[in-house]
Every structure is written in C-alpha cells, then in structure tokens.
C-alpha cells in the first residue's frame, strides 16, 4: 500500500514530538505543510502550533484528546 504525504505527516506528528516545517519536508516531502495541517484540522485532528522563538521557526505537534472537558 502506497502512503501519501498526508499519511506520512500524520505518522510523524503522532509520535508526539514537535517538528518544524523543515523537518516535515525532510520526512514527508511536503513543501507547504501548513496547508496540509489546515486540512487535517478540518477533518478533526487536534494539531497544535508552537510559535515560540526558535531557530527553526514554527513547530507543530499532535496530542490525542484526553477525555471529555
């Protein structure tokens, strides 16, 4: 079964570590990960953006919801 770039992005994010756009490109081949992340958010995935000042810019990470609020 061939995995799409989106499938690879979900796999990278599901490991629970923060990844930069540069790291996403290196691991998945996605040139513009922000648009793919936007689509995944629309599908219901909870993907966070860390905008702290880092040498690699914005970082993304995913955490599964922990029950009801």
PDB file of N, CA and C in Angstrom:
ATOM      1  N   UNK A   1       0.836  -1.184   0.000  1.00  0.00           N
ATOM      2  CA  UNK A   1       0.000   0.000   0.000  1.00  0.00           C
ATOM      3  C   UNK A   1       0.882   1.249   0.000  1.00  0.00           C
ATOM      4  N   UNK A   2       0.611   2.161  -0.900  1.00  0.00           N
ATOM      5  CA  UNK A   2       1.384   3.384  -1.012  1.00  0.00           C
ATOM      6  C   UNK A   2       0.852   4.420  -0.031  1.00  0.00           C
ATOM      7  N   UNK A   3       1.744   4.994   0.733  1.00  0.00           N
ATOM      8  CA  UNK A   3       1.346   6.033   1.668  1.00  0.00           C
ATOM      9  C   UNK A   3       1.458   7.389   1.002  1.00  0.00           C
ATOM     10  N   UNK A   4       0.460   8.227   1.256  1.00  0.00           N
ATOM     11  CA  UNK A   4       0.505   9.583   0.732  1.00  0.00           C
ATOM     12  C   UNK A   4       1.363  10.449   1.643  1.00  0.00           C
ATOM     13  N   UNK A   5       1.683  11.630   1.181  1.00  0.00           N
ATOM     14  CA  UNK A   5       2.458  12.559   2.008  1.00  0.00           C
ATOM     15  C   UNK A   5       1.666  12.928   3.262  1.00  0.00           C
ATOM     16  N   UNK A   6       0.340  13.019   3.119  1.00  0.00           N
ATOM     17  CA  UNK A   6      -0.501  13.319   4.276  1.00  0.00           C
ATOM     18  C   UNK A   6      -0.427  12.198   5.297  1.00  0.00           C
ATOM     19  N   UNK A   7      -0.466  10.953   4.825  1.00  0.00           N
ATOM     20  CA  UNK A   7      -0.337   9.801   5.734  1.00  0.00           C
ATOM     21  C   UNK A   7       0.992   9.842   6.476  1.00  0.00           C
ATOM     22  N   UNK A   8       2.051  10.188   5.758  1.00  0.00           N
ATOM     23  CA  UNK A   8       3.371  10.266   6.389  1.00  0.00           C
ATOM     24  C   UNK A   8       3.433  11.391   7.418  1.00  0.00           C
ATOM     25  N   UNK A   9       2.749  12.521   7.121  1.00  0.00           N
ATOM     26  CA  UNK A   9       2.710  13.630   8.066  1.00  0.00           C
ATOM     27  C   UNK A   9       1.988  13.219   9.345  1.00  0.00           C
ATOM     28  N   UNK A  10       0.868  12.540   9.224  1.00  0.00           N
ATOM     29  CA  UNK A  10       0.128  12.080  10.405  1.00  0.00           C
ATOM     30  C   UNK A  10       0.994  11.145  11.230  1.00  0.00           C
ATOM     31  N   UNK A  11       1.734  10.284  10.566  1.00  0.00           N
ATOM     32  CA  UNK A  11       2.609   9.348  11.288  1.00  0.00           C
ATOM     33  C   UNK A  11       3.702  10.105  12.044  1.00  0.00           C
ATOM     34  N   UNK A  12       4.294  11.097  11.401  1.00  0.00           N
ATOM     35  CA  UNK A  12       5.346  11.895  12.045  1.00  0.00           C
ATOM     36  C   UNK A  12       4.777  12.633  13.253  1.00  0.00           C
ATOM     37  N   UNK A  13       3.618  13.259  13.094  1.00  0.00           N
ATOM     38  CA  UNK A  13       3.015  14.021  14.188  1.00  0.00           C
ATOM     39  C   UNK A  13       2.542  13.125  15.324  1.00  0.00           C
ATOM     40  N   UNK A  14       2.104  11.931  15.001  1.00  0.00           N
ATOM     41  CA  UNK A  14       1.550  11.044  16.032  1.00  0.00           C
ATOM     42  C   UNK A  14       2.617  10.512  16.991  1.00  0.00           C
ATOM     43  N   UNK A  15       3.885  10.739  16.686  1.00  0.00           N
ATOM     44  CA  UNK A  15       4.953  10.314  17.588  1.00  0.00           C
ATOM     45  C   UNK A  15       5.050  11.215  18.813  1.00  0.00           C
ATOM     46  N   UNK A  16       4.321  12.347  18.795  1.00  0.00           N
ATOM     47  CA  UNK A  16       4.235  13.207  19.965  1.00  0.00           C
ATOM     48  C   UNK A  16       5.335  14.238  20.117  1.00  0.00           C
ATOM     49  N   UNK A  17       6.246  14.311  19.180  1.00  0.00           N
ATOM     50  CA  UNK A  17       7.328  15.286  19.271  1.00  0.00           C
ATOM     51  C   UNK A  17       7.010  16.485  18.387  1.00  0.00           C
ATOM     52  N   UNK A  18       7.564  17.630  18.760  1.00  0.00           N
ATOM     53  CA  UNK A  18       7.385  18.825  17.947  1.00  0.00           C
ATOM     54  C   UNK A  18       8.278  18.734  16.717  1.00  0.00           C
ATOM     55  N   UNK A  19       7.730  19.109  15.574  1.00  0.00           N
ATOM     56  CA  UNK A  19       8.502  19.094  14.334  1.00  0.00           C
ATOM     57  C   UNK A  19       8.308  20.413  13.601  1.00  0.00           C
ATOM     58  N   UNK A  20       9.385  20.889  12.999  1.00  0.00           N
ATOM     59  CA  UNK A  20       9.340  22.135  12.239  1.00  0.00           C
ATOM     60  C   UNK A  20       8.916  21.836  10.806  1.00  0.00           C
ATOM     61  N   UNK A  21       8.581  22.887  10.075  1.00  0.00           N
ATOM     62  CA  UNK A  21       8.216  22.740   8.666  1.00  0.00           C
ATOM     63  C   UNK A  21       9.374  22.121   7.880  1.00  0.00           C
ATOM     64  N   UNK A  22      10.589  22.505   8.233  1.00  0.00           N
ATOM     65  CA  UNK A  22      11.780  21.962   7.571  1.00  0.00           C
ATOM     66  C   UNK A  22      11.902  20.452   7.822  1.00  0.00           C
ATOM     67  N   UNK A  23      11.654  20.034   9.053  1.00  0.00           N
ATOM     68  CA  UNK A  23      11.710  18.610   9.382  1.00  0.00           C
ATOM     69  C   UNK A  23      10.590  17.844   8.674  1.00  0.00           C
ATOM     70  N   UNK A  24       9.409  18.448   8.605  1.00  0.00           N
ATOM     71  CA  UNK A  24       8.289  17.808   7.902  1.00  0.00           C
ATOM     72  C   UNK A  24       8.650  17.607   6.440  1.00  0.00           C
ATOM     73  N   UNK A  25       9.248  18.624   5.822  1.00  0.00           N
ATOM     74  CA  UNK A  25       9.652  18.494   4.418  1.00  0.00           C
ATOM     75  C   UNK A  25      10.659  17.354   4.246  1.00  0.00           C
ATOM     76  N   UNK A  26      11.620  17.282   5.140  1.00  0.00           N
ATOM     77  CA  UNK A  26      12.647  16.245   5.039  1.00  0.00           C
ATOM     78  C   UNK A  26      12.065  14.841   5.200  1.00  0.00           C
ATOM     79  N   UNK A  27      11.062  14.696   6.046  1.00  0.00           N
ATOM     80  CA  UNK A  27      10.498  13.373   6.337  1.00  0.00           C
ATOM     81  C   UNK A  27       9.354  12.964   5.418  1.00  0.00           C
ATOM     82  N   UNK A  28       8.646  13.961   4.853  1.00  0.00           N
ATOM     83  CA  UNK A  28       7.455  13.622   4.068  1.00  0.00           C
ATOM     84  C   UNK A  28       7.491  14.119   2.634  1.00  0.00           C
ATOM     85  N   UNK A  29       8.295  15.138   2.370  1.00  0.00           N
ATOM     86  CA  UNK A  29       8.320  15.721   1.034  1.00  0.00           C
ATOM     87  C   UNK A  29       7.299  16.826   0.835  1.00  0.00           C
ATOM     88  N   UNK A  30       6.539  17.175   1.895  1.00  0.00           N
ATOM     89  CA  UNK A  30       5.560  18.251   1.798  1.00  0.00           C
ATOM     90  C   UNK A  30       6.273  19.592   1.742  1.00  0.00           C
ATOM     91  N   UNK A  31       6.025  20.350   0.691  1.00  0.00           N
ATOM     92  CA  UNK A  31       6.665  21.651   0.542  1.00  0.00           C
ATOM     93  C   UNK A  31       5.971  22.691   1.414  1.00  0.00           C
ATOM     94  N   UNK A  32       4.633  22.617   1.526  1.00  0.00           N
ATOM     95  CA  UNK A  32       3.868  23.571   2.315  1.00  0.00           C
ATOM     96  C   UNK A  32       3.035  22.817   3.353  1.00  0.00           C
ATOM     97  N   UNK A  33       3.646  22.416   4.467  1.00  0.00           N
ATOM     98  CA  UNK A  33       2.913  21.612   5.447  1.00  0.00           C
ATOM     99  C   UNK A  33       1.758  22.346   6.108  1.00  0.00           C
ATOM    100  N   UNK A  34       1.798  23.672   6.160  1.00  0.00           N
ATOM    101  CA  UNK A  34       0.734  24.406   6.843  1.00  0.00           C
ATOM    102  C   UNK A  34      -0.621  24.186   6.187  1.00  0.00           C
ATOM    103  N   UNK A  35      -0.675  24.083   4.870  1.00  0.00           N
ATOM    104  CA  UNK A  35      -1.956  23.842   4.199  1.00  0.00           C
ATOM    105  C   UNK A  35      -2.469  22.432   4.480  1.00  0.00           C
ATOM    106  N   UNK A  36      -1.572  21.464   4.531  1.00  0.00           N
ATOM    107  CA  UNK A  36      -1.976  20.093   4.848  1.00  0.00           C
ATOM    108  C   UNK A  36      -2.437  19.997   6.291  1.00  0.00           C
ATOM    109  N   UNK A  37      -1.751  20.682   7.191  1.00  0.00           N
ATOM    110  CA  UNK A  37      -2.148  20.696   8.592  1.00  0.00           C
ATOM    111  C   UNK A  37      -3.518  21.349   8.734  1.00  0.00           C
ATOM    112  N   UNK A  38      -3.780  22.400   7.976  1.00  0.00           N
ATOM    113  CA  UNK A  38      -5.091  23.042   7.999  1.00  0.00           C
ATOM    114  C   UNK A  38      -6.186  22.053   7.592  1.00  0.00           C
ATOM    115  N   UNK A  39      -5.956  21.301   6.527  1.00  0.00           N
ATOM    116  CA  UNK A  39      -6.936  20.293   6.084  1.00  0.00           C
ATOM    117  C   UNK A  39      -7.139  19.204   7.130  1.00  0.00           C
ATOM    118  N   UNK A  40      -6.064  18.768   7.775  1.00  0.00           N
ATOM    119  CA  UNK A  40      -6.181  17.752   8.823  1.00  0.00           C
ATOM    120  C   UNK A  40      -6.969  18.282  10.015  1.00  0.00           C
ATOM    121  N   UNK A  41      -6.783  19.553  10.334  1.00  0.00           N
ATOM    122  CA  UNK A  41      -7.559  20.161  11.416  1.00  0.00           C
ATOM    123  C   UNK A  41      -9.040  20.193  11.060  1.00  0.00           C
ATOM    124  N   UNK A  42      -9.342  20.493   9.806  1.00  0.00           N
ATOM    125  CA  UNK A  42     -10.735  20.498   9.356  1.00  0.00           C
ATOM    126  C   UNK A  42     -11.361  19.110   9.458  1.00  0.00           C
ATOM    127  N   UNK A  43     -10.540  18.072   9.355  1.00  0.00           N
ATOM    128  CA  UNK A  43     -11.019  16.699   9.470  1.00  0.00           C
ATOM    129  C   UNK A  43     -11.143  16.254  10.925  1.00  0.00           C
ATOM    130  N   UNK A  44     -10.720  17.101  11.864  1.00  0.00           N
ATOM    131  CA  UNK A  44     -10.899  16.795  13.278  1.00  0.00           C
ATOM    132  C   UNK A  44      -9.645  16.481  14.066  1.00  0.00           C
ATOM    133  N   UNK A  45      -8.480  16.416  13.429  1.00  0.00           N
ATOM    134  CA  UNK A  45      -7.249  16.180  14.179  1.00  0.00           C
ATOM    135  C   UNK A  45      -6.889  17.430  14.971  1.00  0.00           C
ATOM    136  N   UNK A  46      -6.424  17.233  16.187  1.00  0.00           N
ATOM    137  CA  UNK A  46      -6.030  18.352  17.039  1.00  0.00           C
ATOM    138  C   UNK A  46      -4.519  18.509  16.918  1.00  0.00           C
ATOM    139  N   UNK A  47      -4.117  19.455  16.075  1.00  0.00           N
ATOM    140  CA  UNK A  47      -2.695  19.715  15.830  1.00  0.00           C
ATOM    141  C   UNK A  47      -2.393  21.110  16.356  1.00  0.00           C
ATOM    142  N   UNK A  48      -1.411  21.193  17.227  1.00  0.00           N
ATOM    143  CA  UNK A  48      -1.051  22.453  17.855  1.00  0.00           C
ATOM    144  C   UNK A  48       0.114  23.102  17.121  1.00  0.00           C
ATOM    145  N   UNK A  49       0.182  24.423  17.233  1.00  0.00           N
ATOM    146  CA  UNK A  49       1.279  25.189  16.661  1.00  0.00           C
ATOM    147  C   UNK A  49       2.020  25.876  17.794  1.00  0.00           C
ATOM    148  N   UNK A  50       3.325  25.673  17.853  1.00  0.00           N
ATOM    149  CA  UNK A  50       4.174  26.330  18.836  1.00  0.00           C
ATOM    150  C   UNK A  50       4.899  27.456  18.118  1.00  0.00           C
ATOM    151  N   UNK A  51       4.540  28.685  18.461  1.00  0.00           N
ATOM    152  CA  UNK A  51       5.115  29.848  17.773  1.00  0.00           C
ATOM    153  C   UNK A  51       6.233  30.515  18.567  1.00  0.00           C
ATOM    154  N   UNK A  52       6.782  29.806  19.537  1.00  0.00           N
ATOM    155  CA  UNK A  52       7.890  30.378  20.306  1.00  0.00           C
ATOM    156  C   UNK A  52       9.071  30.664  19.393  1.00  0.00           C
ATOM    157  N   UNK A  53       9.889  31.582  19.829  1.00  0.00           N
ATOM    158  CA  UNK A  53      11.083  31.910  19.054  1.00  0.00           C
ATOM    159  C   UNK A  53      12.065  30.747  19.100  1.00  0.00           C
ATOM    160  N   UNK A  54      12.225  30.079  17.987  1.00  0.00           N
ATOM    161  CA  UNK A  54      13.202  29.005  17.881  1.00  0.00           C
ATOM    162  C   UNK A  54      14.023  29.246  16.629  1.00  0.00           C
ATOM    163  N   UNK A  55      15.116  28.566  16.534  1.00  0.00           N
ATOM    164  CA  UNK A  55      15.953  28.715  15.345  1.00  0.00           C
ATOM    165  C   UNK A  55      15.319  28.064  14.114  1.00  0.00           C
ATOM    166  N   UNK A  56      14.313  27.222  14.317  1.00  0.00           N
ATOM    167  CA  UNK A  56      13.667  26.549  13.189  1.00  0.00           C
ATOM    168  C   UNK A  56      12.269  27.082  12.905  1.00  0.00           C
ATOM    169  N   UNK A  57      11.891  28.196  13.508  1.00  0.00           N
ATOM    170  CA  UNK A  57      10.583  28.796  13.260  1.00  0.00           C
ATOM    171  C   UNK A  57       9.464  28.041  13.966  1.00  0.00           C
ATOM    172  N   UNK A  58       8.297  28.040  13.357  1.00  0.00           N
ATOM    173  CA  UNK A  58       7.106  27.409  13.926  1.00  0.00           C
ATOM    174  C   UNK A  58       7.276  25.896  13.997  1.00  0.00           C
ATOM    175  N   UNK A  59       6.775  25.316  15.083  1.00  0.00           N
ATOM    176  CA  UNK A  59       6.790  23.859  15.210  1.00  0.00           C
ATOM    177  C   UNK A  59       5.368  23.372  15.433  1.00  0.00           C
ATOM    178  N   UNK A  60       5.087  22.186  14.944  1.00  0.00           N
ATOM    179  CA  UNK A  60       3.764  21.584  15.064  1.00  0.00           C
ATOM    180  C   UNK A  60       3.856  20.329  15.912  1.00  0.00           C
ATOM    181  N   UNK A  61       2.756  20.032  16.626  1.00  0.00           N
ATOM    182  CA  UNK A  61       2.697  18.770  17.354  1.00  0.00           C
ATOM    183  C   UNK A  61       1.254  18.362  17.537  1.00  0.00           C
ATOM    184  N   UNK A  62       1.052  17.087  17.763  1.00  0.00           N
ATOM    185  CA  UNK A  62      -0.273  16.481  17.899  1.00  0.00           C
ATOM    186  C   UNK A  62      -0.350  15.780  19.237  1.00  0.00           C
ATOM    187  N   UNK A  63      -1.464  15.965  19.902  1.00  0.00           N
ATOM    188  CA  UNK A  63      -1.740  15.217  21.124  1.00  0.00           C
ATOM    189  C   UNK A  63      -3.156  14.718  21.042  1.00  0.00           C
ATOM    190  N   UNK A  64      -3.353  13.458  21.313  1.00  0.00           N
ATOM    191  CA  UNK A  64      -4.696  12.888  21.317  1.00  0.00           C
ATOM    192  C   UNK A  64      -5.487  13.498  22.474  1.00  0.00           C
ATOM    193  N   UNK A  65      -6.762  13.791  22.268  1.00  0.00           N
ATOM    194  CA  UNK A  65      -7.577  14.341  23.358  1.00  0.00           C
ATOM    195  C   UNK A  65      -7.617  13.386  24.546  1.00  0.00           C
ATOM    196  N   UNK A  66      -7.593  13.945  25.743  1.00  0.00           N
ATOM    197  CA  UNK A  66      -7.587  13.162  26.977  1.00  0.00           C
ATOM    198  C   UNK A  66      -8.973  13.214  27.627  1.00  0.00           C
ATOM    199  N   UNK A  67      -9.950  12.576  27.035  1.00  0.00           N
ATOM    200  CA  UNK A  67     -11.290  12.527  27.623  1.00  0.00           C
ATOM    201  C   UNK A  67     -12.114  13.766  27.316  1.00  0.00           C
ATOM    202  N   UNK A  68     -13.247  13.888  27.986  1.00  0.00           N
ATOM    203  CA  UNK A  68     -14.162  14.999  27.777  1.00  0.00           C
ATOM    204  C   UNK A  68     -13.820  16.167  28.693  1.00  0.00           C
ATOM    205  N   UNK A  69     -14.123  17.357  28.231  1.00  0.00           N
ATOM    206  CA  UNK A  69     -13.915  18.565  29.051  1.00  0.00           C
ATOM    207  C   UNK A  69     -15.193  18.941  29.721  1.00  0.00           C
TER     208      UNK A  69
END
